[in-house]
Amino acid sequence: MITLYGIKNCDSVKKARKWLDQQAIEYHFHDVRTDGISAAVIGHWVEQAGWETVLNKRGTTWRKLDASVQQNTHSGNIVELLLNNPTLIKRPVLDADDIIMIGFNAERYQTIFN
């Protein structure tokens, strides 16, 4: 089963969805803001890709966090931080039969689906 996690209005998510649709690849879209997300799923992503990869430090949500929260973010508290702030998750997250890919890159997607 293929699941694409993200937020509907995110440009990177839109690109990934368009690419998957153009390749006629069936997938389930899971909006982390409206559908929610579990600590277990986030924990799995962190295990597979590393917490620094899963955390989006380029977005406005990160910039709005208190500096002490930013400075004290680490592997031990990242799941809770992302659970409480799902827009801090770098998007999209593709789960293709337990292959986890963070962010959209057409060439990398192509290697997964060929």
C-alpha atoms as a PDB file:
ATOM      1  CA  MET A   1       0.000   0.000   0.000  1.00  0.00           C
ATOM      2  CA  ILE A   2       1.210   3.474  -0.879  1.00  0.00           C
ATOM      3  CA  THR A   3       0.388   6.425   1.356  1.00  0.00           C
ATOM      4  CA  LEU A   4       1.359  10.021   0.753  1.00  0.00           C
ATOM      5  CA  TYR A   5       1.316  12.141   3.895  1.00  0.00           C
ATOM      6  CA  GLY A   6       1.178  15.904   3.773  1.00  0.00           C
ATOM      7  CA  ILE A   7      -1.051  18.957   3.691  1.00  0.00           C
ATOM      8  CA  LYS A   8      -3.394  19.634   0.773  1.00  0.00           C
ATOM      9  CA  ASN A   9      -2.212  23.169   0.028  1.00  0.00           C
ATOM     10  CA  CYS A  10       1.550  22.442   0.221  1.00  0.00           C
ATOM     11  CA  ASP A  11       3.284  22.988  -3.140  1.00  0.00           C
ATOM     12  CA  SER A  12       5.624  20.002  -2.704  1.00  0.00           C
ATOM     13  CA  VAL A  13       2.669  17.766  -1.871  1.00  0.00           C
ATOM     14  CA  LYS A  14       0.825  19.032  -4.952  1.00  0.00           C
ATOM     15  CA  LYS A  15       3.862  18.173  -7.117  1.00  0.00           C
ATOM     16  CA  ALA A  16       4.094  14.685  -5.626  1.00  0.00           C
ATOM     17  CA  ARG A  17       0.380  14.037  -6.096  1.00  0.00           C
ATOM     18  CA  LYS A  18       0.528  15.256  -9.690  1.00  0.00           C
ATOM     19  CA  TRP A  19       3.534  13.024 -10.398  1.00  0.00           C
ATOM     20  CA  LEU A  20       1.845   9.967  -8.878  1.00  0.00           C
ATOM     21  CA  ASP A  21      -1.358  10.698 -10.819  1.00  0.00           C
ATOM     22  CA  GLN A  22       0.554  11.120 -14.111  1.00  0.00           C
ATOM     23  CA  GLN A  23       2.241   7.752 -13.530  1.00  0.00           C
ATOM     24  CA  ALA A  24      -1.156   6.164 -12.771  1.00  0.00           C
ATOM     25  CA  ILE A  25       0.119   5.023  -9.379  1.00  0.00           C
ATOM     26  CA  GLU A  26      -2.646   4.329  -6.883  1.00  0.00           C
ATOM     27  CA  TYR A  27      -2.087   5.834  -3.457  1.00  0.00           C
ATOM     28  CA  HIS A  28      -3.934   7.051  -0.402  1.00  0.00           C
ATOM     29  CA  PHE A  29      -3.489  10.719   0.557  1.00  0.00           C
ATOM     30  CA  HIS A  30      -3.375  11.360   4.302  1.00  0.00           C
ATOM     31  CA  ASP A  31      -3.629  15.003   5.374  1.00  0.00           C
ATOM     32  CA  VAL A  32      -1.665  15.242   8.624  1.00  0.00           C
ATOM     33  CA  ARG A  33      -3.489  18.412   9.626  1.00  0.00           C
ATOM     34  CA  THR A  34      -7.079  17.239   9.117  1.00  0.00           C
ATOM     35  CA  ASP A  35      -6.689  13.449   9.466  1.00  0.00           C
ATOM     36  CA  GLY A  36      -4.180  13.570  12.311  1.00  0.00           C
ATOM     37  CA  ILE A  37      -1.102  11.434  12.776  1.00  0.00           C
ATOM     38  CA  SER A  38       0.040   8.972  15.419  1.00  0.00           C
ATOM     39  CA  ALA A  39       3.215   8.914  17.464  1.00  0.00           C
ATOM     40  CA  ALA A  40       3.907   5.408  16.128  1.00  0.00           C
ATOM     41  CA  VAL A  41       3.864   6.598  12.502  1.00  0.00           C
ATOM     42  CA  ILE A  42       6.096   9.586  13.260  1.00  0.00           C
ATOM     43  CA  GLY A  43       8.422   7.342  15.253  1.00  0.00           C
ATOM     44  CA  HIS A  44       8.710   4.982  12.295  1.00  0.00           C
ATOM     45  CA  TRP A  45       9.641   7.866   9.975  1.00  0.00           C
ATOM     46  CA  VAL A  46      12.252   9.083  12.440  1.00  0.00           C
ATOM     47  CA  GLU A  47      13.711   5.550  12.679  1.00  0.00           C
ATOM     48  CA  GLN A  48      13.851   5.195   8.907  1.00  0.00           C
ATOM     49  CA  ALA A  49      14.968   8.684   7.841  1.00  0.00           C
ATOM     50  CA  GLY A  50      16.396  10.360  10.955  1.00  0.00           C
ATOM     51  CA  TRP A  51      14.736  13.089  12.970  1.00  0.00           C
ATOM     52  CA  GLU A  52      16.709  15.884  11.292  1.00  0.00           C
ATOM     53  CA  THR A  53      15.300  14.826   7.920  1.00  0.00           C
ATOM     54  CA  VAL A  54      11.700  14.591   9.138  1.00  0.00           C
ATOM     55  CA  LEU A  55      11.790  17.989  10.858  1.00  0.00           C
ATOM     56  CA  ASN A  56      11.088  20.973   8.605  1.00  0.00           C
ATOM     57  CA  LYS A  57      13.171  23.882   9.863  1.00  0.00           C
ATOM     58  CA  ARG A  58      12.446  26.015   6.807  1.00  0.00           C
ATOM     59  CA  GLY A  59       8.765  26.658   7.474  1.00  0.00           C
ATOM     60  CA  THR A  60       6.956  29.356   9.387  1.00  0.00           C
ATOM     61  CA  THR A  61       5.898  26.945  12.134  1.00  0.00           C
ATOM     62  CA  TRP A  62       9.555  26.355  13.074  1.00  0.00           C
ATOM     63  CA  ARG A  63      10.365  30.085  12.945  1.00  0.00           C
ATOM     64  CA  LYS A  64       7.421  30.852  15.246  1.00  0.00           C
ATOM     65  CA  LEU A  65       8.571  28.383  17.911  1.00  0.00           C
ATOM     66  CA  ASP A  66      10.213  29.790  21.002  1.00  0.00           C
ATOM     67  CA  ALA A  67      14.004  29.823  20.662  1.00  0.00           C
ATOM     68  CA  SER A  68      14.363  27.575  23.713  1.00  0.00           C
ATOM     69  CA  VAL A  69      12.176  24.928  22.034  1.00  0.00           C
ATOM     70  CA  GLN A  70      14.248  25.164  18.859  1.00  0.00           C
ATOM     71  CA  GLN A  71      17.530  24.862  20.745  1.00  0.00           C
ATOM     72  CA  ASN A  72      16.324  21.940  22.851  1.00  0.00           C
ATOM     73  CA  THR A  73      14.863  19.848  20.028  1.00  0.00           C
ATOM     74  CA  HIS A  74      16.539  16.433  19.840  1.00  0.00           C
ATOM     75  CA  SER A  75      15.881  12.778  19.059  1.00  0.00           C
ATOM     76  CA  GLY A  76      14.315  12.209  22.474  1.00  0.00           C
ATOM     77  CA  ASN A  77      11.544  14.785  22.097  1.00  0.00           C
ATOM     78  CA  ILE A  78      11.051  15.079  18.338  1.00  0.00           C
ATOM     79  CA  VAL A  79       8.083  12.688  18.125  1.00  0.00           C
ATOM     80  CA  GLU A  80       6.126  14.675  20.710  1.00  0.00           C
ATOM     81  CA  LEU A  81       7.028  17.978  19.018  1.00  0.00           C
ATOM     82  CA  LEU A  82       5.871  16.722  15.598  1.00  0.00           C
ATOM     83  CA  LEU A  83       2.759  15.144  17.090  1.00  0.00           C
ATOM     84  CA  ASN A  84       1.796  18.486  18.628  1.00  0.00           C
ATOM     85  CA  ASN A  85       2.858  20.479  15.538  1.00  0.00           C
ATOM     86  CA  PRO A  86       2.231  18.348  12.433  1.00  0.00           C
ATOM     87  CA  THR A  87       3.096  21.260  10.133  1.00  0.00           C
ATOM     88  CA  LEU A  88       6.706  20.828  11.334  1.00  0.00           C
ATOM     89  CA  ILE A  89       6.853  17.568   9.366  1.00  0.00           C
ATOM     90  CA  LYS A  90       8.799  17.982   6.144  1.00  0.00           C
ATOM     91  CA  ARG A  91       6.422  17.249   3.306  1.00  0.00           C
ATOM     92  CA  PRO A  92       5.474  15.110   1.602  1.00  0.00           C
ATOM     93  CA  VAL A  93       6.229  11.821   3.307  1.00  0.00           C
ATOM     94  CA  LEU A  94       5.849   8.879   0.951  1.00  0.00           C
ATOM     95  CA  ASP A  95       5.373   5.437   2.464  1.00  0.00           C
ATOM     96  CA  ALA A  96       5.608   2.936  -0.371  1.00  0.00           C
ATOM     97  CA  ASP A  97       5.451  -0.539   1.129  1.00  0.00           C
ATOM     98  CA  ASP A  98       7.581   0.586   4.085  1.00  0.00           C
ATOM     99  CA  ILE A  99      10.062   2.570   1.987  1.00  0.00           C
ATOM    100  CA  ILE A 100       9.983   6.031   3.544  1.00  0.00           C
ATOM    101  CA  MET A 101      10.895   9.045   1.428  1.00  0.00           C
ATOM    102  CA  ILE A 102      10.817  12.566   2.834  1.00  0.00           C
ATOM    103  CA  GLY A 103      10.276  15.451   0.410  1.00  0.00           C
ATOM    104  CA  PHE A 104       9.494  15.245  -3.290  1.00  0.00           C
ATOM    105  CA  ASN A 105      12.075  14.432  -5.925  1.00  0.00           C
ATOM    106  CA  ALA A 106      10.806  13.067  -9.245  1.00  0.00           C
ATOM    107  CA  GLU A 107      14.002  11.096  -9.964  1.00  0.00           C
ATOM    108  CA  ARG A 108      13.917   9.407  -6.563  1.00  0.00           C
ATOM    109  CA  TYR A 109      10.221   8.603  -6.977  1.00  0.00           C
ATOM    110  CA  GLN A 110      11.015   7.097 -10.373  1.00  0.00           C
ATOM    111  CA  THR A 111      13.581   4.731  -8.838  1.00  0.00           C
ATOM    112  CA  ILE A 112      11.034   3.515  -6.276  1.00  0.00           C
ATOM    113  CA  PHE A 113       8.316   2.780  -8.802  1.00  0.00           C
ATOM    114  CA  ASN A 114      10.407   1.180 -11.546  1.00  0.00           C
END
